[in-house]
Amino acid sequence: MQQIDFYMVDAFSTATFGGNAAAVCPLTEWLPDETLLKNVQTA
C-alpha cells in the first residue's frame, strides 16, 4: 500500500479547529486515476 503524506488545514479561519477542515496532499506528480478512485472508495 502506498503512503501519502497529508496536512490538515483549517480553511477560511484564523482559529485552530475553526472553519472548514481540508486535507492537503503535496504531490511530486499526479496520481493515476486507479489510485484516486481507490482513495475515494475507502473514504
Protein backbone atom coordinates (compact mmCIF):
# COMPACT_ATOMS: atom_id res chain seq x y z
CA MET A 1 0.00 0.00 0.00
CA GLN A 2 1.29 3.44 -0.92
CA GLN A 3 1.71 6.01 1.85
CA ILE A 4 0.72 9.58 1.05
CA ASP A 5 1.63 12.38 3.46
CA PHE A 6 -1.06 14.97 4.12
CA TYR A 7 -1.67 18.08 6.19
CA MET A 8 -4.92 19.17 7.81
CA VAL A 9 -5.66 22.83 7.14
CA ASP A 10 -8.31 24.96 8.85
CA ALA A 11 -9.60 26.72 5.74
CA PHE A 12 -11.43 30.05 6.00
CA SER A 13 -10.41 30.59 9.64
CA THR A 14 -7.62 32.06 11.70
CA ALA A 15 -8.57 29.92 14.72
CA THR A 16 -7.32 26.38 15.29
CA PHE A 17 -10.08 23.83 14.56
CA GLY A 18 -12.27 26.59 13.11
CA GLY A 19 -13.63 26.96 9.60
CA ASN A 20 -13.66 24.01 7.21
CA ALA A 21 -11.14 21.21 7.62
CA ALA A 22 -9.28 20.40 4.41
CA ALA A 23 -6.72 17.66 3.78
CA VAL A 24 -3.82 18.84 1.60
CA CYS A 25 -1.58 16.26 -0.10
CA PRO A 26 1.55 17.74 -1.66
CA LEU A 27 2.44 15.57 -4.68
CA THR A 28 5.51 15.46 -6.88
CA GLU A 29 3.34 14.12 -9.72
CA TRP A 30 -0.35 13.46 -10.29
CA LEU A 31 -1.62 10.08 -9.10
CA PRO A 32 -3.05 7.55 -11.57
CA ASP A 33 -6.85 7.51 -11.88
CA GLU A 34 -6.94 3.99 -10.39
CA THR A 35 -5.27 5.22 -7.20
CA LEU A 36 -7.55 8.25 -6.93
CA LEU A 37 -10.64 6.05 -7.32
CA LYS A 38 -9.42 3.66 -4.62
CA ASN A 39 -8.93 6.59 -2.22
CA VAL A 40 -12.48 7.80 -2.81
CA GLN A 41 -13.97 4.33 -2.35
CA THR A 42 -12.25 3.81 1.02
CA ALA A 43 -13.11 7.24 2.45
